[in-house]
């Protein structure tokens, strides 16, 4: 049964985030984090709409590409340009 068949017309559906749905398969760009440049400010984590930017060992940040939509907000917020958006390669 498809997802459309499971929905009742006019039914209420719980909101979902990309953490509930893998989104990495349709992304056109992906963020690449430079741990050497990262100052550990956490702005990428604070502004990521899907909550996939996370602190990693050493105080730098990285992203879980399985759930990243490639919106680029993290790169736009980084004060030291430690995040570069690059084309997704499949």
PDB file of N, CA and C in Angstrom:
ATOM      1  N   UNK A   1       0.846  -1.175   0.000  1.00  0.00           N
ATOM      2  CA  UNK A   1       0.000   0.000   0.000  1.00  0.00           C
ATOM      3  C   UNK A   1       0.893   1.241   0.000  1.00  0.00           C
ATOM      4  N   UNK A   2       0.624   2.173  -0.894  1.00  0.00           N
ATOM      5  CA  UNK A   2       1.421   3.395  -0.979  1.00  0.00           C
ATOM      6  C   UNK A   2       1.065   4.337   0.165  1.00  0.00           C
ATOM      7  N   UNK A   3       1.926   5.322   0.383  1.00  0.00           N
ATOM      8  CA  UNK A   3       1.685   6.308   1.440  1.00  0.00           C
ATOM      9  C   UNK A   3       0.393   7.072   1.181  1.00  0.00           C
ATOM     10  N   UNK A   4       0.102   7.361  -0.088  1.00  0.00           N
ATOM     11  CA  UNK A   4      -1.130   8.074  -0.422  1.00  0.00           C
ATOM     12  C   UNK A   4      -2.364   7.256  -0.056  1.00  0.00           C
ATOM     13  N   UNK A   5      -2.289   5.950  -0.238  1.00  0.00           N
ATOM     14  CA  UNK A   5      -3.419   5.090   0.083  1.00  0.00           C
ATOM     15  C   UNK A   5      -3.629   4.969   1.594  1.00  0.00           C
ATOM     16  N   UNK A   6      -2.582   5.203   2.375  1.00  0.00           N
ATOM     17  CA  UNK A   6      -2.677   5.095   3.820  1.00  0.00           C
ATOM     18  C   UNK A   6      -3.270   6.347   4.460  1.00  0.00           C
ATOM     19  N   UNK A   7      -3.280   7.457   3.742  1.00  0.00           N
ATOM     20  CA  UNK A   7      -3.798   8.714   4.287  1.00  0.00           C
ATOM     21  C   UNK A   7      -5.305   8.805   4.088  1.00  0.00           C
ATOM     22  N   UNK A   8      -5.997   9.220   5.117  1.00  0.00           N
ATOM     23  CA  UNK A   8      -7.427   9.455   5.032  1.00  0.00           C
ATOM     24  C   UNK A   8      -7.638  10.870   4.513  1.00  0.00           C
ATOM     25  N   UNK A   9      -8.538  11.037   3.573  1.00  0.00           N
ATOM     26  CA  UNK A   9      -8.827  12.358   3.034  1.00  0.00           C
ATOM     27  C   UNK A   9      -9.258  13.274   4.170  1.00  0.00           C
ATOM     28  N   UNK A  10      -8.560  14.385   4.343  1.00  0.00           N
ATOM     29  CA  UNK A  10      -8.857  15.316   5.418  1.00  0.00           C
ATOM     30  C   UNK A  10      -8.300  14.888   6.762  1.00  0.00           C
ATOM     31  N   UNK A  11      -7.510  13.824   6.773  1.00  0.00           N
ATOM     32  CA  UNK A  11      -6.932  13.331   8.022  1.00  0.00           C
ATOM     33  C   UNK A  11      -5.804  14.220   8.511  1.00  0.00           C
ATOM     34  N   UNK A  12      -5.471  14.075   9.761  1.00  0.00           N
ATOM     35  CA  UNK A  12      -4.389  14.840  10.363  1.00  0.00           C
ATOM     36  C   UNK A  12      -3.134  13.975  10.367  1.00  0.00           C
ATOM     37  N   UNK A  13      -2.050  14.526   9.857  1.00  0.00           N
ATOM     38  CA  UNK A  13      -0.785  13.808   9.773  1.00  0.00           C
ATOM     39  C   UNK A  13       0.220  14.517  10.661  1.00  0.00           C
ATOM     40  N   UNK A  14       0.949  13.765  11.475  1.00  0.00           N
ATOM     41  CA  UNK A  14       1.955  14.368  12.341  1.00  0.00           C
ATOM     42  C   UNK A  14       3.069  14.986  11.510  1.00  0.00           C
ATOM     43  N   UNK A  15       3.571  16.161  11.935  1.00  0.00           N
ATOM     44  CA  UNK A  15       4.688  16.778  11.210  1.00  0.00           C
ATOM     45  C   UNK A  15       5.924  15.905  11.316  1.00  0.00           C
ATOM     46  N   UNK A  16       6.756  15.943  10.304  1.00  0.00           N
ATOM     47  CA  UNK A  16       7.978  15.141  10.295  1.00  0.00           C
ATOM     48  C   UNK A  16       9.149  16.054   9.984  1.00  0.00           C
ATOM     49  N   UNK A  17      10.312  15.643  10.367  1.00  0.00           N
ATOM     50  CA  UNK A  17      11.531  16.364  10.025  1.00  0.00           C
ATOM     51  C   UNK A  17      12.375  15.460   9.156  1.00  0.00           C
ATOM     52  N   UNK A  18      13.487  15.986   8.655  1.00  0.00           N
ATOM     53  CA  UNK A  18      14.352  15.142   7.843  1.00  0.00           C
ATOM     54  C   UNK A  18      15.012  14.059   8.682  1.00  0.00           C
ATOM     55  N   UNK A  19      15.010  14.196  10.020  1.00  0.00           N
ATOM     56  CA  UNK A  19      15.561  13.138  10.865  1.00  0.00           C
ATOM     57  C   UNK A  19      14.671  11.903  10.826  1.00  0.00           C
ATOM     58  N   UNK A  20      13.410  12.070  10.436  1.00  0.00           N
ATOM     59  CA  UNK A  20      12.506  10.934  10.299  1.00  0.00           C
ATOM     60  C   UNK A  20      12.509  10.398   8.870  1.00  0.00           C
ATOM     61  N   UNK A  21      13.012  11.181   7.936  1.00  0.00           N
ATOM     62  CA  UNK A  21      13.033  10.799   6.521  1.00  0.00           C
ATOM     63  C   UNK A  21      14.414  11.066   5.946  1.00  0.00           C
ATOM     64  N   UNK A  22      15.020  10.054   5.369  1.00  0.00           N
ATOM     65  CA  UNK A  22      16.324  10.272   4.737  1.00  0.00           C
ATOM     66  C   UNK A  22      16.135  11.198   3.546  1.00  0.00           C
ATOM     67  N   UNK A  23      16.921  12.272   3.509  1.00  0.00           N
ATOM     68  CA  UNK A  23      16.764  13.265   2.447  1.00  0.00           C
ATOM     69  C   UNK A  23      17.996  13.374   1.559  1.00  0.00           C
ATOM     70  N   UNK A  24      19.069  12.733   1.945  1.00  0.00           N
ATOM     71  CA  UNK A  24      20.325  12.889   1.225  1.00  0.00           C
ATOM     72  C   UNK A  24      20.307  12.411  -0.209  1.00  0.00           C
ATOM     73  N   UNK A  25      19.330  11.598  -0.591  1.00  0.00           N
ATOM     74  CA  UNK A  25      19.318  11.036  -1.939  1.00  0.00           C
ATOM     75  C   UNK A  25      18.910  12.039  -3.009  1.00  0.00           C
ATOM     76  N   UNK A  26      18.267  13.136  -2.652  1.00  0.00           N
ATOM     77  CA  UNK A  26      17.831  14.096  -3.671  1.00  0.00           C
ATOM     78  C   UNK A  26      18.529  15.449  -3.568  1.00  0.00           C
ATOM     79  N   UNK A  27      19.565  15.521  -2.781  1.00  0.00           N
ATOM     80  CA  UNK A  27      20.302  16.772  -2.572  1.00  0.00           C
ATOM     81  C   UNK A  27      21.127  17.100  -3.828  1.00  0.00           C
ATOM     82  N   UNK A  28      21.210  18.383  -4.209  1.00  0.00           N
ATOM     83  CA  UNK A  28      22.033  18.778  -5.357  1.00  0.00           C
ATOM     84  C   UNK A  28      23.387  19.325  -4.923  1.00  0.00           C
ATOM     85  N   UNK A  29      23.468  19.819  -3.681  1.00  0.00           N
ATOM     86  CA  UNK A  29      24.733  20.297  -3.122  1.00  0.00           C
ATOM     87  C   UNK A  29      24.883  19.720  -1.725  1.00  0.00           C
ATOM     88  N   UNK A  30      26.127  19.631  -1.275  1.00  0.00           N
ATOM     89  CA  UNK A  30      26.367  19.139   0.078  1.00  0.00           C
ATOM     90  C   UNK A  30      27.436  19.993   0.737  1.00  0.00           C
ATOM     91  N   UNK A  31      27.351  20.149   2.062  1.00  0.00           N
ATOM     92  CA  UNK A  31      28.357  20.935   2.764  1.00  0.00           C
ATOM     93  C   UNK A  31      29.603  20.109   3.052  1.00  0.00           C
ATOM     94  N   UNK A  32      30.752  20.735   2.886  1.00  0.00           N
ATOM     95  CA  UNK A  32      32.026  20.116   3.260  1.00  0.00           C
ATOM     96  C   UNK A  32      32.623  20.990   4.353  1.00  0.00           C
ATOM     97  N   UNK A  33      32.857  20.391   5.516  1.00  0.00           N
ATOM     98  CA  UNK A  33      33.366  21.112   6.681  1.00  0.00           C
ATOM     99  C   UNK A  33      34.881  20.998   6.737  1.00  0.00           C
ATOM    100  N   UNK A  34      35.565  22.111   6.972  1.00  0.00           N
ATOM    101  CA  UNK A  34      37.019  22.138   7.131  1.00  0.00           C
ATOM    102  C   UNK A  34      37.326  22.251   8.622  1.00  0.00           C
ATOM    103  N   UNK A  35      37.704  21.139   9.241  1.00  0.00           N
ATOM    104  CA  UNK A  35      37.954  21.095  10.686  1.00  0.00           C
ATOM    105  C   UNK A  35      39.112  21.996  11.095  1.00  0.00           C
ATOM    106  N   UNK A  36      40.056  22.227  10.187  1.00  0.00           N
ATOM    107  CA  UNK A  36      41.206  23.092  10.493  1.00  0.00           C
ATOM    108  C   UNK A  36      40.778  24.555  10.641  1.00  0.00           C
ATOM    109  N   UNK A  37      39.787  24.964   9.860  1.00  0.00           N
ATOM    110  CA  UNK A  37      39.330  26.350   9.868  1.00  0.00           C
ATOM    111  C   UNK A  37      38.241  26.592  10.913  1.00  0.00           C
ATOM    112  N   UNK A  38      37.470  25.559  11.223  1.00  0.00           N
ATOM    113  CA  UNK A  38      36.346  25.675  12.162  1.00  0.00           C
ATOM    114  C   UNK A  38      36.823  26.175  13.525  1.00  0.00           C
ATOM    115  N   UNK A  39      36.113  27.172  14.072  1.00  0.00           N
ATOM    116  CA  UNK A  39      36.459  27.716  15.391  1.00  0.00           C
ATOM    117  C   UNK A  39      35.533  27.174  16.485  1.00  0.00           C
ATOM    118  N   UNK A  40      34.626  26.277  16.118  1.00  0.00           N
ATOM    119  CA  UNK A  40      33.751  25.643  17.096  1.00  0.00           C
ATOM    120  C   UNK A  40      32.683  26.543  17.683  1.00  0.00           C
ATOM    121  N   UNK A  41      32.245  27.547  16.938  1.00  0.00           N
ATOM    122  CA  UNK A  41      31.257  28.503  17.465  1.00  0.00           C
ATOM    123  C   UNK A  41      29.854  27.901  17.568  1.00  0.00           C
ATOM    124  N   UNK A  42      29.560  26.896  16.750  1.00  0.00           N
ATOM    125  CA  UNK A  42      28.266  26.230  16.809  1.00  0.00           C
ATOM    126  C   UNK A  42      27.140  26.905  16.056  1.00  0.00           C
ATOM    127  N   UNK A  43      27.439  27.964  15.288  1.00  0.00           N
ATOM    128  CA  UNK A  43      26.369  28.637  14.541  1.00  0.00           C
ATOM    129  C   UNK A  43      25.734  27.708  13.510  1.00  0.00           C
ATOM    130  N   UNK A  44      26.527  26.842  12.902  1.00  0.00           N
ATOM    131  CA  UNK A  44      25.978  25.905  11.921  1.00  0.00           C
ATOM    132  C   UNK A  44      24.937  25.004  12.581  1.00  0.00           C
ATOM    133  N   UNK A  45      25.238  24.538  13.772  1.00  0.00           N
ATOM    134  CA  UNK A  45      24.310  23.674  14.511  1.00  0.00           C
ATOM    135  C   UNK A  45      23.048  24.443  14.899  1.00  0.00           C
ATOM    136  N   UNK A  46      23.211  25.668  15.345  1.00  0.00           N
ATOM    137  CA  UNK A  46      22.072  26.481  15.769  1.00  0.00           C
ATOM    138  C   UNK A  46      21.123  26.811  14.623  1.00  0.00           C
ATOM    139  N   UNK A  47      21.672  27.055  13.442  1.00  0.00           N
ATOM    140  CA  UNK A  47      20.840  27.493  12.323  1.00  0.00           C
ATOM    141  C   UNK A  47      20.393  26.373  11.387  1.00  0.00           C
ATOM    142  N   UNK A  48      20.937  25.177  11.529  1.00  0.00           N
ATOM    143  CA  UNK A  48      20.537  24.063  10.660  1.00  0.00           C
ATOM    144  C   UNK A  48      19.057  23.751  10.884  1.00  0.00           C
ATOM    145  N   UNK A  49      18.218  23.897   9.850  1.00  0.00           N
ATOM    146  CA  UNK A  49      16.783  23.682  10.040  1.00  0.00           C
ATOM    147  C   UNK A  49      16.417  22.231  10.321  1.00  0.00           C
ATOM    148  N   UNK A  50      17.325  21.316  10.046  1.00  0.00           N
ATOM    149  CA  UNK A  50      17.030  19.900  10.255  1.00  0.00           C
ATOM    150  C   UNK A  50      17.821  19.279  11.388  1.00  0.00           C
ATOM    151  N   UNK A  51      18.634  20.075  12.054  1.00  0.00           N
ATOM    152  CA  UNK A  51      19.371  19.582  13.211  1.00  0.00           C
ATOM    153  C   UNK A  51      20.398  18.515  12.900  1.00  0.00           C
ATOM    154  N   UNK A  52      21.011  18.587  11.721  1.00  0.00           N
ATOM    155  CA  UNK A  52      21.977  17.549  11.352  1.00  0.00           C
ATOM    156  C   UNK A  52      23.431  17.998  11.485  1.00  0.00           C
ATOM    157  N   UNK A  53      23.677  19.272  11.757  1.00  0.00           N
ATOM    158  CA  UNK A  53      25.039  19.741  12.041  1.00  0.00           C
ATOM    159  C   UNK A  53      25.312  19.461  13.514  1.00  0.00           C
ATOM    160  N   UNK A  54      26.422  18.772  13.785  1.00  0.00           N
ATOM    161  CA  UNK A  54      26.719  18.355  15.155  1.00  0.00           C
ATOM    162  C   UNK A  54      28.193  18.521  15.461  1.00  0.00           C
ATOM    163  N   UNK A  55      28.474  18.757  16.734  1.00  0.00           N
ATOM    164  CA  UNK A  55      29.862  18.844  17.183  1.00  0.00           C
ATOM    165  C   UNK A  55      30.488  17.452  17.133  1.00  0.00           C
ATOM    166  N   UNK A  56      31.716  17.396  16.633  1.00  0.00           N
ATOM    167  CA  UNK A  56      32.448  16.130  16.564  1.00  0.00           C
ATOM    168  C   UNK A  56      33.690  16.224  17.441  1.00  0.00           C
ATOM    169  N   UNK A  57      34.416  15.149  17.516  1.00  0.00           N
ATOM    170  CA  UNK A  57      35.629  15.102  18.334  1.00  0.00           C
ATOM    171  C   UNK A  57      36.574  16.242  17.968  1.00  0.00           C
ATOM    172  N   UNK A  58      37.121  16.891  18.962  1.00  0.00           N
ATOM    173  CA  UNK A  58      38.048  17.991  18.727  1.00  0.00           C
ATOM    174  C   UNK A  58      37.389  19.358  18.725  1.00  0.00           C
ATOM    175  N   UNK A  59      36.067  19.416  18.905  1.00  0.00           N
ATOM    176  CA  UNK A  59      35.371  20.696  18.979  1.00  0.00           C
ATOM    177  C   UNK A  59      34.925  21.271  17.652  1.00  0.00           C
ATOM    178  N   UNK A  60      35.257  20.628  16.542  1.00  0.00           N
ATOM    179  CA  UNK A  60      34.798  21.094  15.229  1.00  0.00           C
ATOM    180  C   UNK A  60      33.383  20.560  14.988  1.00  0.00           C
ATOM    181  N   UNK A  61      32.814  20.899  13.855  1.00  0.00           N
ATOM    182  CA  UNK A  61      31.461  20.468  13.519  1.00  0.00           C
ATOM    183  C   UNK A  61      31.459  19.731  12.197  1.00  0.00           C
ATOM    184  N   UNK A  62      30.452  18.894  12.008  1.00  0.00           N
ATOM    185  CA  UNK A  62      30.249  18.156  10.765  1.00  0.00           C
ATOM    186  C   UNK A  62      28.751  17.918  10.628  1.00  0.00           C
ATOM    187  N   UNK A  63      28.350  17.306   9.533  1.00  0.00           N
ATOM    188  CA  UNK A  63      26.927  17.101   9.273  1.00  0.00           C
ATOM    189  C   UNK A  63      26.679  15.643   8.889  1.00  0.00           C
ATOM    190  N   UNK A  64      25.510  15.137   9.259  1.00  0.00           N
ATOM    191  CA  UNK A  64      25.092  13.792   8.868  1.00  0.00           C
ATOM    192  C   UNK A  64      24.465  13.902   7.479  1.00  0.00           C
ATOM    193  N   UNK A  65      25.200  13.486   6.464  1.00  0.00           N
ATOM    194  CA  UNK A  65      24.747  13.650   5.081  1.00  0.00           C
ATOM    195  C   UNK A  65      23.538  12.787   4.733  1.00  0.00           C
ATOM    196  N   UNK A  66      23.233  11.799   5.542  1.00  0.00           N
ATOM    197  CA  UNK A  66      22.055  10.975   5.288  1.00  0.00           C
ATOM    198  C   UNK A  66      20.783  11.812   5.369  1.00  0.00           C
ATOM    199  N   UNK A  67      20.796  12.820   6.245  1.00  0.00           N
ATOM    200  CA  UNK A  67      19.603  13.618   6.479  1.00  0.00           C
ATOM    201  C   UNK A  67      19.750  15.076   6.050  1.00  0.00           C
ATOM    202  N   UNK A  68      20.900  15.461   5.547  1.00  0.00           N
ATOM    203  CA  UNK A  68      21.137  16.840   5.114  1.00  0.00           C
ATOM    204  C   UNK A  68      20.440  17.091   3.777  1.00  0.00           C
ATOM    205  N   UNK A  69      19.696  18.201   3.680  1.00  0.00           N
ATOM    206  CA  UNK A  69      19.013  18.563   2.439  1.00  0.00           C
ATOM    207  C   UNK A  69      19.878  19.407   1.524  1.00  0.00           C
ATOM    208  N   UNK A  70      21.020  19.870   2.018  1.00  0.00           N
ATOM    209  CA  UNK A  70      21.907  20.675   1.189  1.00  0.00           C
ATOM    210  C   UNK A  70      21.433  22.099   0.994  1.00  0.00           C
ATOM    211  N   UNK A  71      20.736  22.658   1.970  1.00  0.00           N
ATOM    212  CA  UNK A  71      20.177  24.008   1.829  1.00  0.00           C
ATOM    213  C   UNK A  71      21.251  25.096   1.875  1.00  0.00           C
ATOM    214  N   UNK A  72      22.382  24.828   2.539  1.00  0.00           N
ATOM    215  CA  UNK A  72      23.478  25.791   2.589  1.00  0.00           C
ATOM    216  C   UNK A  72      23.383  26.830   3.687  1.00  0.00           C
ATOM    217  N   UNK A  73      22.383  26.741   4.540  1.00  0.00           N
ATOM    218  CA  UNK A  73      22.250  27.715   5.625  1.00  0.00           C
ATOM    219  C   UNK A  73      23.470  27.667   6.532  1.00  0.00           C
ATOM    220  N   UNK A  74      23.971  26.475   6.808  1.00  0.00           N
ATOM    221  CA  UNK A  74      25.155  26.338   7.673  1.00  0.00           C
ATOM    222  C   UNK A  74      26.338  27.107   7.092  1.00  0.00           C
ATOM    223  N   UNK A  75      26.553  26.973   5.784  1.00  0.00           N
ATOM    224  CA  UNK A  75      27.670  27.659   5.130  1.00  0.00           C
ATOM    225  C   UNK A  75      27.487  29.171   5.184  1.00  0.00           C
ATOM    226  N   UNK A  76      26.264  29.626   5.036  1.00  0.00           N
ATOM    227  CA  UNK A  76      25.984  31.057   5.082  1.00  0.00           C
ATOM    228  C   UNK A  76      26.181  31.667   6.459  1.00  0.00           C
ATOM    229  N   UNK A  77      26.027  30.870   7.498  1.00  0.00           N
ATOM    230  CA  UNK A  77      26.162  31.368   8.868  1.00  0.00           C
ATOM    231  C   UNK A  77      27.579  31.269   9.409  1.00  0.00           C
ATOM    232  N   UNK A  78      28.443  30.487   8.791  1.00  0.00           N
ATOM    233  CA  UNK A  78      29.797  30.273   9.309  1.00  0.00           C
ATOM    234  C   UNK A  78      30.634  31.553   9.191  1.00  0.00           C
ATOM    235  N   UNK A  79      31.093  32.101  10.327  1.00  0.00           N
ATOM    236  CA  UNK A  79      31.834  33.368  10.291  1.00  0.00           C
ATOM    237  C   UNK A  79      33.247  33.249   9.729  1.00  0.00           C
ATOM    238  N   UNK A  80      33.774  32.031   9.617  1.00  0.00           N
ATOM    239  CA  UNK A  80      35.148  31.861   9.113  1.00  0.00           C
ATOM    240  C   UNK A  80      35.190  31.065   7.807  1.00  0.00           C
ATOM    241  N   UNK A  81      34.039  30.891   7.167  1.00  0.00           N
ATOM    242  CA  UNK A  81      33.943  30.168   5.889  1.00  0.00           C
ATOM    243  C   UNK A  81      34.569  28.778   5.958  1.00  0.00           C
ATOM    244  N   UNK A  82      34.287  28.054   7.043  1.00  0.00           N
ATOM    245  CA  UNK A  82      34.807  26.694   7.202  1.00  0.00           C
ATOM    246  C   UNK A  82      33.918  25.659   6.522  1.00  0.00           C
ATOM    247  N   UNK A  83      32.812  26.107   5.942  1.00  0.00           N
ATOM    248  CA  UNK A  83      31.874  25.199   5.276  1.00  0.00           C
ATOM    249  C   UNK A  83      31.720  25.642   3.832  1.00  0.00           C
ATOM    250  N   UNK A  84      31.986  24.731   2.926  1.00  0.00           N
ATOM    251  CA  UNK A  84      31.853  25.017   1.496  1.00  0.00           C
ATOM    252  C   UNK A  84      30.773  24.115   0.919  1.00  0.00           C
ATOM    253  N   UNK A  85      29.871  24.690   0.144  1.00  0.00           N
ATOM    254  CA  UNK A  85      28.856  23.897  -0.543  1.00  0.00           C
ATOM    255  C   UNK A  85      29.434  23.457  -1.882  1.00  0.00           C
ATOM    256  N   UNK A  86      29.426  22.154  -2.105  1.00  0.00           N
ATOM    257  CA  UNK A  86      29.969  21.589  -3.340  1.00  0.00           C
ATOM    258  C   UNK A  86      28.880  20.771  -4.028  1.00  0.00           C
ATOM    259  N   UNK A  87      28.974  20.601  -5.348  1.00  0.00           N
ATOM    260  CA  UNK A  87      27.976  19.793  -6.047  1.00  0.00           C
ATOM    261  C   UNK A  87      27.971  18.357  -5.521  1.00  0.00           C
ATOM    262  N   UNK A  88      26.784  17.796  -5.412  1.00  0.00           N
ATOM    263  CA  UNK A  88      26.637  16.401  -4.985  1.00  0.00           C
ATOM    264  C   UNK A  88      27.061  15.488  -6.127  1.00  0.00           C
ATOM    265  N   UNK A  89      27.855  14.511  -5.819  1.00  0.00           N
ATOM    266  CA  UNK A  89      28.297  13.536  -6.817  1.00  0.00           C
ATOM    267  C   UNK A  89      27.704  12.193  -6.440  1.00  0.00           C
ATOM    268  N   UNK A  90      26.965  11.600  -7.347  1.00  0.00           N
ATOM    269  CA  UNK A  90      26.324  10.300  -7.078  1.00  0.00           C
ATOM    270  C   UNK A  90      27.120   9.183  -7.682  1.00  0.00           C
TER     271      UNK A  90
END
